[in-house]
Amino acid sequence: MTVFVMRNGRLVDRARAAPLYTANDAPQIISDEMPPTRHMATNEYFTSKAKFRQRTRETGHIEVGNETATLLRPRVPVRLSRAARREAIRRAIHELRERA
């Protein structure tokens, strides 16, 4: 089914019509500034995207959505012996009690 659009007072086939609005020739600039954002690993606030990303890399983390290769790789389950699993659970309980 053909769809028509109005251009200069005339009906024109939409597939052949020029766009109603076009972007201007001005360069598009993406600023490094952002609203103050708290870094979840360090509790610091950043207003610079570059510094935020640098601190993310320094702490050994990744930004979700930027590292698709890491996210698409299947996770390998950690194999623990029964004794190692008990030790890991004991250590986690101990750490939780220390925080409280």
PDB file of N, CA and C in Angstrom:
ATOM      1  N   MET A   1       0.845  -1.177   0.000  1.00  0.00           N
ATOM      2  CA  MET A   1       0.000   0.000   0.000  1.00  0.00           C
ATOM      3  C   MET A   1       0.890   1.238   0.000  1.00  0.00           C
ATOM      4  N   THR A   2       0.642   2.131  -0.902  1.00  0.00           N
ATOM      5  CA  THR A   2       1.438   3.353  -1.031  1.00  0.00           C
ATOM      6  C   THR A   2       0.986   4.358   0.014  1.00  0.00           C
ATOM      7  N   VAL A   3       1.962   4.997   0.650  1.00  0.00           N
ATOM      8  CA  VAL A   3       1.677   6.021   1.646  1.00  0.00           C
ATOM      9  C   VAL A   3       2.168   7.350   1.089  1.00  0.00           C
ATOM     10  N   PHE A   4       1.311   8.369   1.214  1.00  0.00           N
ATOM     11  CA  PHE A   4       1.652   9.694   0.712  1.00  0.00           C
ATOM     12  C   PHE A   4       1.879  10.656   1.868  1.00  0.00           C
ATOM     13  N   VAL A   5       2.765  11.612   1.646  1.00  0.00           N
ATOM     14  CA  VAL A   5       3.047  12.666   2.625  1.00  0.00           C
ATOM     15  C   VAL A   5       2.937  14.015   1.925  1.00  0.00           C
ATOM     16  N   MET A   6       2.691  15.072   2.703  1.00  0.00           N
ATOM     17  CA  MET A   6       2.538  16.404   2.151  1.00  0.00           C
ATOM     18  C   MET A   6       3.891  17.094   2.108  1.00  0.00           C
ATOM     19  N   ARG A   7       4.288  17.550   0.905  1.00  0.00           N
ATOM     20  CA  ARG A   7       5.520  18.314   0.712  1.00  0.00           C
ATOM     21  C   ARG A   7       5.200  19.512  -0.166  1.00  0.00           C
ATOM     22  N   ASN A   8       5.429  20.714   0.351  1.00  0.00           N
ATOM     23  CA  ASN A   8       5.181  21.956  -0.390  1.00  0.00           C
ATOM     24  C   ASN A   8       3.753  22.015  -0.945  1.00  0.00           C
ATOM     25  N   GLY A   9       2.791  21.562  -0.142  1.00  0.00           N
ATOM     26  CA  GLY A   9       1.387  21.642  -0.543  1.00  0.00           C
ATOM     27  C   GLY A   9       0.944  20.561  -1.507  1.00  0.00           C
ATOM     28  N   ARG A  10       1.782  19.586  -1.789  1.00  0.00           N
ATOM     29  CA  ARG A  10       1.433  18.512  -2.716  1.00  0.00           C
ATOM     30  C   ARG A  10       1.613  17.165  -2.039  1.00  0.00           C
ATOM     31  N   LEU A  11       0.802  16.184  -2.429  1.00  0.00           N
ATOM     32  CA  LEU A  11       0.957  14.821  -1.924  1.00  0.00           C
ATOM     33  C   LEU A  11       2.035  14.115  -2.739  1.00  0.00           C
ATOM     34  N   VAL A  12       3.001  13.521  -2.025  1.00  0.00           N
ATOM     35  CA  VAL A  12       4.134  12.860  -2.672  1.00  0.00           C
ATOM     36  C   VAL A  12       4.285  11.473  -2.053  1.00  0.00           C
ATOM     37  N   ASP A  13       4.683  10.503  -2.874  1.00  0.00           N
ATOM     38  CA  ASP A  13       4.954   9.155  -2.368  1.00  0.00           C
ATOM     39  C   ASP A  13       6.038   9.246  -1.295  1.00  0.00           C
ATOM     40  N   ARG A  14       5.778   8.662  -0.146  1.00  0.00           N
ATOM     41  CA  ARG A  14       6.709   8.779   0.983  1.00  0.00           C
ATOM     42  C   ARG A  14       8.085   8.219   0.642  1.00  0.00           C
ATOM     43  N   ALA A  15       8.156   7.171  -0.157  1.00  0.00           N
ATOM     44  CA  ALA A  15       9.447   6.568  -0.512  1.00  0.00           C
ATOM     45  C   ALA A  15      10.305   7.527  -1.340  1.00  0.00           C
ATOM     46  N   ARG A  16       9.670   8.460  -2.063  1.00  0.00           N
ATOM     47  CA  ARG A  16      10.410   9.380  -2.919  1.00  0.00           C
ATOM     48  C   ARG A  16      10.522  10.783  -2.335  1.00  0.00           C
ATOM     49  N   ALA A  17       9.837  11.030  -1.240  1.00  0.00           N
ATOM     50  CA  ALA A  17       9.810  12.380  -0.666  1.00  0.00           C
ATOM     51  C   ALA A  17      11.099  12.685   0.076  1.00  0.00           C
ATOM     52  N   ALA A  18      11.509  13.930  -0.021  1.00  0.00           N
ATOM     53  CA  ALA A  18      12.669  14.387   0.749  1.00  0.00           C
ATOM     54  C   ALA A  18      12.252  14.497   2.214  1.00  0.00           C
ATOM     55  N   PRO A  19      13.178  14.346   3.131  1.00  0.00           N
ATOM     56  CA  PRO A  19      12.818  14.466   4.539  1.00  0.00           C
ATOM     57  C   PRO A  19      12.279  15.859   4.849  1.00  0.00           C
ATOM     58  N   LEU A  20      11.342  15.923   5.794  1.00  0.00           N
ATOM     59  CA  LEU A  20      10.741  17.192   6.165  1.00  0.00           C
ATOM     60  C   LEU A  20      11.751  18.077   6.870  1.00  0.00           C
ATOM     61  N   TYR A  21      12.554  17.482   7.740  1.00  0.00           N
ATOM     62  CA  TYR A  21      13.584  18.220   8.471  1.00  0.00           C
ATOM     63  C   TYR A  21      14.929  17.549   8.243  1.00  0.00           C
ATOM     64  N   THR A  22      15.963  18.337   8.118  1.00  0.00           N
ATOM     65  CA  THR A  22      17.310  17.788   7.982  1.00  0.00           C
ATOM     66  C   THR A  22      18.196  18.400   9.056  1.00  0.00           C
ATOM     67  N   ALA A  23      19.213  17.683   9.430  1.00  0.00           N
ATOM     68  CA  ALA A  23      20.150  18.191  10.427  1.00  0.00           C
ATOM     69  C   ALA A  23      20.964  19.318   9.818  1.00  0.00           C
ATOM     70  N   ASN A  24      21.315  20.264  10.638  1.00  0.00           N
ATOM     71  CA  ASN A  24      22.131  21.364  10.124  1.00  0.00           C
ATOM     72  C   ASN A  24      23.587  20.904   9.984  1.00  0.00           C
ATOM     73  N   ASP A  25      24.404  21.740   9.403  1.00  0.00           N
ATOM     74  CA  ASP A  25      25.789  21.375   9.158  1.00  0.00           C
ATOM     75  C   ASP A  25      26.700  21.625  10.351  1.00  0.00           C
ATOM     76  N   ALA A  26      26.143  22.021  11.475  1.00  0.00           N
ATOM     77  CA  ALA A  26      26.948  22.295  12.659  1.00  0.00           C
ATOM     78  C   ALA A  26      27.522  20.985  13.198  1.00  0.00           C
ATOM     79  N   PRO A  27      28.748  21.016  13.710  1.00  0.00           N
ATOM     80  CA  PRO A  27      29.323  19.789  14.274  1.00  0.00           C
ATOM     81  C   PRO A  27      28.600  19.388  15.551  1.00  0.00           C
ATOM     82  N   GLN A  28      28.519  18.106  15.765  1.00  0.00           N
ATOM     83  CA  GLN A  28      27.905  17.580  16.982  1.00  0.00           C
ATOM     84  C   GLN A  28      29.004  17.343  18.010  1.00  0.00           C
ATOM     85  N   ILE A  29      28.836  17.886  19.189  1.00  0.00           N
ATOM     86  CA  ILE A  29      29.852  17.790  20.231  1.00  0.00           C
ATOM     87  C   ILE A  29      29.277  17.032  21.412  1.00  0.00           C
ATOM     88  N   ILE A  30      30.005  16.031  21.870  1.00  0.00           N
ATOM     89  CA  ILE A  30      29.615  15.289  23.059  1.00  0.00           C
ATOM     90  C   ILE A  30      30.524  15.747  24.186  1.00  0.00           C
ATOM     91  N   SER A  31      29.944  16.314  25.191  1.00  0.00           N
ATOM     92  CA  SER A  31      30.698  16.892  26.294  1.00  0.00           C
ATOM     93  C   SER A  31      31.214  15.807  27.237  1.00  0.00           C
ATOM     94  N   ASP A  32      32.318  16.098  27.904  1.00  0.00           N
ATOM     95  CA  ASP A  32      32.858  15.203  28.925  1.00  0.00           C
ATOM     96  C   ASP A  32      32.162  15.439  30.266  1.00  0.00           C
ATOM     97  N   GLU A  33      31.450  16.533  30.383  1.00  0.00           N
ATOM     98  CA  GLU A  33      30.776  16.864  31.635  1.00  0.00           C
ATOM     99  C   GLU A  33      29.495  16.060  31.791  1.00  0.00           C
ATOM    100  N   MET A  34      29.156  15.738  33.033  1.00  0.00           N
ATOM    101  CA  MET A  34      27.914  15.048  33.355  1.00  0.00           C
ATOM    102  C   MET A  34      27.470  15.507  34.740  1.00  0.00           C
ATOM    103  N   PRO A  35      26.223  15.297  35.087  1.00  0.00           N
ATOM    104  CA  PRO A  35      25.798  15.648  36.448  1.00  0.00           C
ATOM    105  C   PRO A  35      26.603  14.831  37.458  1.00  0.00           C
ATOM    106  N   PRO A  36      26.800  15.332  38.679  1.00  0.00           N
ATOM    107  CA  PRO A  36      27.560  14.564  39.671  1.00  0.00           C
ATOM    108  C   PRO A  36      26.990  13.152  39.826  1.00  0.00           C
ATOM    109  N   THR A  37      27.847  12.171  39.598  1.00  0.00           N
ATOM    110  CA  THR A  37      27.442  10.767  39.629  1.00  0.00           C
ATOM    111  C   THR A  37      28.337  10.016  40.603  1.00  0.00           C
ATOM    112  N   ARG A  38      27.709   9.221  41.486  1.00  0.00           N
ATOM    113  CA  ARG A  38      28.468   8.473  42.483  1.00  0.00           C
ATOM    114  C   ARG A  38      28.998   7.183  41.868  1.00  0.00           C
ATOM    115  N   HIS A  39      30.280   6.948  42.075  1.00  0.00           N
ATOM    116  CA  HIS A  39      30.906   5.705  41.614  1.00  0.00           C
ATOM    117  C   HIS A  39      30.601   4.637  42.660  1.00  0.00           C
ATOM    118  N   MET A  40      29.983   3.548  42.234  1.00  0.00           N
ATOM    119  CA  MET A  40      29.508   2.538  43.180  1.00  0.00           C
ATOM    120  C   MET A  40      30.640   1.771  43.864  1.00  0.00           C
ATOM    121  N   ALA A  41      31.809   1.699  43.251  1.00  0.00           N
ATOM    122  CA  ALA A  41      32.914   0.949  43.858  1.00  0.00           C
ATOM    123  C   ALA A  41      33.663   1.765  44.894  1.00  0.00           C
ATOM    124  N   THR A  42      33.731   3.098  44.719  1.00  0.00           N
ATOM    125  CA  THR A  42      34.554   3.923  45.608  1.00  0.00           C
ATOM    126  C   THR A  42      33.775   4.976  46.383  1.00  0.00           C
ATOM    127  N   ASN A  43      32.484   5.138  46.087  1.00  0.00           N
ATOM    128  CA  ASN A  43      31.634   6.157  46.717  1.00  0.00           C
ATOM    129  C   ASN A  43      32.104   7.579  46.439  1.00  0.00           C
ATOM    130  N   GLU A  44      32.912   7.783  45.418  1.00  0.00           N
ATOM    131  CA  GLU A  44      33.332   9.129  45.026  1.00  0.00           C
ATOM    132  C   GLU A  44      32.337   9.674  44.008  1.00  0.00           C
ATOM    133  N   TYR A  45      32.220  11.005  43.962  1.00  0.00           N
ATOM    134  CA  TYR A  45      31.365  11.648  42.976  1.00  0.00           C
ATOM    135  C   TYR A  45      32.233  12.219  41.855  1.00  0.00           C
ATOM    136  N   PHE A  46      31.796  12.016  40.613  1.00  0.00           N
ATOM    137  CA  PHE A  46      32.522  12.493  39.448  1.00  0.00           C
ATOM    138  C   PHE A  46      31.604  13.331  38.572  1.00  0.00           C
ATOM    139  N   THR A  47      32.163  14.384  37.967  1.00  0.00           N
ATOM    140  CA  THR A  47      31.443  15.164  36.972  1.00  0.00           C
ATOM    141  C   THR A  47      32.094  15.001  35.599  1.00  0.00           C
ATOM    142  N   SER A  48      33.153  14.216  35.506  1.00  0.00           N
ATOM    143  CA  SER A  48      33.849  13.964  34.249  1.00  0.00           C
ATOM    144  C   SER A  48      33.649  12.501  33.851  1.00  0.00           C
ATOM    145  N   LYS A  49      33.170  12.270  32.636  1.00  0.00           N
ATOM    146  CA  LYS A  49      32.970  10.905  32.161  1.00  0.00           C
ATOM    147  C   LYS A  49      34.294  10.158  32.055  1.00  0.00           C
ATOM    148  N   ALA A  50      35.345  10.843  31.602  1.00  0.00           N
ATOM    149  CA  ALA A  50      36.651  10.200  31.431  1.00  0.00           C
ATOM    150  C   ALA A  50      37.221   9.752  32.773  1.00  0.00           C
ATOM    151  N   LYS A  51      37.119  10.606  33.789  1.00  0.00           N
ATOM    152  CA  LYS A  51      37.641  10.242  35.112  1.00  0.00           C
ATOM    153  C   LYS A  51      36.819   9.109  35.729  1.00  0.00           C
ATOM    154  N   PHE A  52      35.505   9.130  35.501  1.00  0.00           N
ATOM    155  CA  PHE A  52      34.645   8.058  36.000  1.00  0.00           C
ATOM    156  C   PHE A  52      35.057   6.722  35.386  1.00  0.00           C
ATOM    157  N   ARG A  53      35.271   6.713  34.054  1.00  0.00           N
ATOM    158  CA  ARG A  53      35.657   5.471  33.377  1.00  0.00           C
ATOM    159  C   ARG A  53      37.051   5.024  33.788  1.00  0.00           C
ATOM    160  N   GLN A  54      37.956   5.977  34.010  1.00  0.00           N
ATOM    161  CA  GLN A  54      39.306   5.637  34.446  1.00  0.00           C
ATOM    162  C   GLN A  54      39.256   4.957  35.816  1.00  0.00           C
ATOM    163  N   ARG A  55      38.477   5.500  36.744  1.00  0.00           N
ATOM    164  CA  ARG A  55      38.378   4.895  38.073  1.00  0.00           C
ATOM    165  C   ARG A  55      37.723   3.523  37.988  1.00  0.00           C
ATOM    166  N   THR A  56      36.780   3.354  37.077  1.00  0.00           N
ATOM    167  CA  THR A  56      36.143   2.048  36.894  1.00  0.00           C
ATOM    168  C   THR A  56      37.177   1.015  36.473  1.00  0.00           C
ATOM    169  N   ARG A  57      38.048   1.383  35.525  1.00  0.00           N
ATOM    170  CA  ARG A  57      39.104   0.460  35.082  1.00  0.00           C
ATOM    171  C   ARG A  57      40.106   0.197  36.204  1.00  0.00           C
ATOM    172  N   GLU A  58      40.463   1.243  36.966  1.00  0.00           N
ATOM    173  CA  GLU A  58      41.442   1.086  38.050  1.00  0.00           C
ATOM    174  C   GLU A  58      40.956   0.115  39.116  1.00  0.00           C
ATOM    175  N   THR A  59      39.664   0.100  39.371  1.00  0.00           N
ATOM    176  CA  THR A  59      39.128  -0.792  40.398  1.00  0.00           C
ATOM    177  C   THR A  59      38.837  -2.186  39.870  1.00  0.00           C
ATOM    178  N   GLY A  60      39.119  -2.413  38.565  1.00  0.00           N
ATOM    179  CA  GLY A  60      38.962  -3.750  37.997  1.00  0.00           C
ATOM    180  C   GLY A  60      37.539  -4.072  37.573  1.00  0.00           C
ATOM    181  N   HIS A  61      36.712  -3.064  37.371  1.00  0.00           N
ATOM    182  CA  HIS A  61      35.330  -3.281  36.968  1.00  0.00           C
ATOM    183  C   HIS A  61      35.154  -2.921  35.499  1.00  0.00           C
ATOM    184  N   ILE A  62      33.974  -3.213  34.969  1.00  0.00           N
ATOM    185  CA  ILE A  62      33.639  -2.852  33.596  1.00  0.00           C
ATOM    186  C   ILE A  62      32.313  -2.114  33.603  1.00  0.00           C
ATOM    187  N   GLU A  63      32.090  -1.299  32.567  1.00  0.00           N
ATOM    188  CA  GLU A  63      30.793  -0.660  32.378  1.00  0.00           C
ATOM    189  C   GLU A  63      29.932  -1.630  31.591  1.00  0.00           C
ATOM    190  N   VAL A  64      28.805  -2.002  32.138  1.00  0.00           N
ATOM    191  CA  VAL A  64      27.921  -2.935  31.455  1.00  0.00           C
ATOM    192  C   VAL A  64      27.370  -2.254  30.220  1.00  0.00           C
ATOM    193  N   GLY A  65      27.449  -2.938  29.116  1.00  0.00           N
ATOM    194  CA  GLY A  65      26.976  -2.376  27.860  1.00  0.00           C
ATOM    195  C   GLY A  65      28.124  -1.970  26.959  1.00  0.00           C
ATOM    196  N   ASN A  66      29.303  -1.753  27.524  1.00  0.00           N
ATOM    197  CA  ASN A  66      30.454  -1.371  26.725  1.00  0.00           C
ATOM    198  C   ASN A  66      31.339  -2.562  26.402  1.00  0.00           C
ATOM    199  N   GLU A  67      31.285  -3.589  27.185  1.00  0.00           N
ATOM    200  CA  GLU A  67      32.144  -4.753  26.999  1.00  0.00           C
ATOM    201  C   GLU A  67      31.297  -5.955  26.590  1.00  0.00           C
ATOM    202  N   THR A  68      30.811  -5.961  25.374  1.00  0.00           N
ATOM    203  CA  THR A  68      29.926  -7.038  24.947  1.00  0.00           C
ATOM    204  C   THR A  68      30.649  -8.378  24.853  1.00  0.00           C
ATOM    205  N   ALA A  69      31.932  -8.372  24.538  1.00  0.00           N
ATOM    206  CA  ALA A  69      32.654  -9.642  24.433  1.00  0.00           C
ATOM    207  C   ALA A  69      32.662 -10.359  25.782  1.00  0.00           C
ATOM    208  N   THR A  70      32.810  -9.610  26.865  1.00  0.00           N
ATOM    209  CA  THR A  70      32.814 -10.201  28.199  1.00  0.00           C
ATOM    210  C   THR A  70      31.438 -10.738  28.558  1.00  0.00           C
ATOM    211  N   LEU A  71      30.398 -10.011  28.183  1.00  0.00           N
ATOM    212  CA  LEU A  71      29.050 -10.414  28.543  1.00  0.00           C
ATOM    213  C   LEU A  71      28.545 -11.594  27.730  1.00  0.00           C
ATOM    214  N   LEU A  72      29.034 -11.756  26.517  1.00  0.00           N
ATOM    215  CA  LEU A  72      28.547 -12.824  25.660  1.00  0.00           C
ATOM    216  C   LEU A  72      29.252 -14.152  25.903  1.00  0.00           C
ATOM    217  N   ARG A  73      30.378 -14.104  26.591  1.00  0.00           N
ATOM    218  CA  ARG A  73      31.106 -15.327  26.900  1.00  0.00           C
ATOM    219  C   ARG A  73      30.336 -16.121  27.953  1.00  0.00           C
ATOM    220  N   PRO A  74      30.139 -17.413  27.788  1.00  0.00           N
ATOM    221  CA  PRO A  74      29.417 -18.186  28.802  1.00  0.00           C
ATOM    222  C   PRO A  74      30.212 -18.241  30.109  1.00  0.00           C
ATOM    223  N   ARG A  75      29.510 -18.160  31.205  1.00  0.00           N
ATOM    224  CA  ARG A  75      30.160 -18.200  32.512  1.00  0.00           C
ATOM    225  C   ARG A  75      30.583 -19.624  32.835  1.00  0.00           C
ATOM    226  N   VAL A  76      31.769 -19.754  33.380  1.00  0.00           N
ATOM    227  CA  VAL A  76      32.290 -21.059  33.776  1.00  0.00           C
ATOM    228  C   VAL A  76      32.046 -21.223  35.273  1.00  0.00           C
ATOM    229  N   PRO A  77      31.301 -22.233  35.674  1.00  0.00           N
ATOM    230  CA  PRO A  77      31.043 -22.396  37.102  1.00  0.00           C
ATOM    231  C   PRO A  77      32.335 -22.735  37.855  1.00  0.00           C
ATOM    232  N   VAL A  78      32.443 -22.211  39.054  1.00  0.00           N
ATOM    233  CA  VAL A  78      33.613 -22.475  39.886  1.00  0.00           C
ATOM    234  C   VAL A  78      33.396 -23.811  40.585  1.00  0.00           C
ATOM    235  N   ARG A  79      34.299 -24.728  40.349  1.00  0.00           N
ATOM    236  CA  ARG A  79      34.202 -26.060  40.969  1.00  0.00           C
ATOM    237  C   ARG A  79      34.940 -26.036  42.299  1.00  0.00           C
ATOM    238  N   LEU A  80      34.225 -26.319  43.366  1.00  0.00           N
ATOM    239  CA  LEU A  80      34.836 -26.363  44.690  1.00  0.00           C
ATOM    240  C   LEU A  80      34.632 -27.742  45.302  1.00  0.00           C
ATOM    241  N   SER A  81      35.622 -28.189  46.029  1.00  0.00           N
ATOM    242  CA  SER A  81      35.452 -29.433  46.765  1.00  0.00           C
ATOM    243  C   SER A  81      34.521 -29.153  47.940  1.00  0.00           C
ATOM    244  N   ARG A  82      34.055 -30.176  48.571  1.00  0.00           N
ATOM    245  CA  ARG A  82      33.143 -30.010  49.707  1.00  0.00           C
ATOM    246  C   ARG A  82      33.798 -29.192  50.812  1.00  0.00           C
ATOM    247  N   ALA A  83      35.056 -29.435  51.092  1.00  0.00           N
ATOM    248  CA  ALA A  83      35.769 -28.702  52.143  1.00  0.00           C
ATOM    249  C   ALA A  83      35.969 -27.240  51.743  1.00  0.00           C
ATOM    250  N   ALA A  84      36.304 -26.997  50.489  1.00  0.00           N
ATOM    251  CA  ALA A  84      36.506 -25.628  50.023  1.00  0.00           C
ATOM    252  C   ALA A  84      35.191 -24.849  50.058  1.00  0.00           C
ATOM    253  N   ARG A  85      34.082 -25.517  49.700  1.00  0.00           N
ATOM    254  CA  ARG A  85      32.775 -24.866  49.743  1.00  0.00           C
ATOM    255  C   ARG A  85      32.405 -24.501  51.183  1.00  0.00           C
ATOM    256  N   ARG A  86      32.635 -25.413  52.117  1.00  0.00           N
ATOM    257  CA  ARG A  86      32.353 -25.121  53.537  1.00  0.00           C
ATOM    258  C   ARG A  86      33.191 -23.942  54.027  1.00  0.00           C
ATOM    259  N   GLU A  87      34.466 -23.918  53.629  1.00  0.00           N
ATOM    260  CA  GLU A  87      35.352 -22.822  54.037  1.00  0.00           C
ATOM    261  C   GLU A  87      34.875 -21.489  53.452  1.00  0.00           C
ATOM    262  N   ALA A  88      34.438 -21.490  52.203  1.00  0.00           N
ATOM    263  CA  ALA A  88      33.947 -20.264  51.576  1.00  0.00           C
ATOM    264  C   ALA A  88      32.690 -19.756  52.274  1.00  0.00           C
ATOM    265  N   ILE A  89      31.800 -20.653  52.622  1.00  0.00           N
ATOM    266  CA  ILE A  89      30.573 -20.261  53.345  1.00  0.00           C
ATOM    267  C   ILE A  89      30.925 -19.733  54.720  1.00  0.00           C
ATOM    268  N   ARG A  90      31.843 -20.411  55.420  1.00  0.00           N
ATOM    269  CA  ARG A  90      32.253 -19.966  56.753  1.00  0.00           C
ATOM    270  C   ARG A  90      32.874 -18.572  56.696  1.00  0.00           C
ATOM    271  N   ARG A  91      33.717 -18.334  55.684  1.00  0.00           N
ATOM    272  CA  ARG A  91      34.376 -17.045  55.529  1.00  0.00           C
ATOM    273  C   ARG A  91      33.348 -15.940  55.229  1.00  0.00           C
ATOM    274  N   ALA A  92      32.355 -16.244  54.384  1.00  0.00           N
ATOM    275  CA  ALA A  92      31.330 -15.259  54.047  1.00  0.00           C
ATOM    276  C   ALA A  92      30.491 -14.898  55.271  1.00  0.00           C
ATOM    277  N   ILE A  93      30.122 -15.878  56.067  1.00  0.00           N
ATOM    278  CA  ILE A  93      29.357 -15.611  57.296  1.00  0.00           C
ATOM    279  C   ILE A  93      30.180 -14.772  58.249  1.00  0.00           C
ATOM    280  N   HIS A  94      31.470 -15.095  58.372  1.00  0.00           N
ATOM    281  CA  HIS A  94      32.352 -14.328  59.257  1.00  0.00           C
ATOM    282  C   HIS A  94      32.449 -12.869  58.791  1.00  0.00           C
ATOM    283  N   GLU A  95      32.597 -12.645  57.477  1.00  0.00           N
ATOM    284  CA  GLU A  95      32.690 -11.275  56.958  1.00  0.00           C
ATOM    285  C   GLU A  95      31.400 -10.494  57.198  1.00  0.00           C
ATOM    286  N   LEU A  96      30.256 -11.160  57.044  1.00  0.00           N
ATOM    287  CA  LEU A  96      28.981 -10.498  57.298  1.00  0.00           C
ATOM    288  C   LEU A  96      28.825 -10.108  58.771  1.00  0.00           C
ATOM    289  N   ARG A  97      29.259 -10.982  59.661  1.00  0.00           N
ATOM    290  CA  ARG A  97      29.162 -10.665  61.098  1.00  0.00           C
ATOM    291  C   ARG A  97      30.109  -9.541  61.495  1.00  0.00           C
ATOM    292  N   GLU A  98      31.259  -9.458  60.817  1.00  0.00           N
ATOM    293  CA  GLU A  98      32.216  -8.388  61.105  1.00  0.00           C
ATOM    294  C   GLU A  98      31.665  -7.015  60.708  1.00  0.00           C
ATOM    295  N   ARG A  99      30.893  -6.974  59.639  1.00  0.00           N
ATOM    296  CA  ARG A  99      30.331  -5.705  59.158  1.00  0.00           C
ATOM    297  C   ARG A  99      29.235  -5.188  60.079  1.00  0.00           C
ATOM    298  N   ALA A 100      28.505  -6.070  60.715  1.00  0.00           N
ATOM    299  CA  ALA A 100      27.362  -5.658  61.537  1.00  0.00           C
ATOM    300  C   ALA A 100      27.767  -5.067  62.854  1.00  0.00           C
TER     301      ALA A 100
END
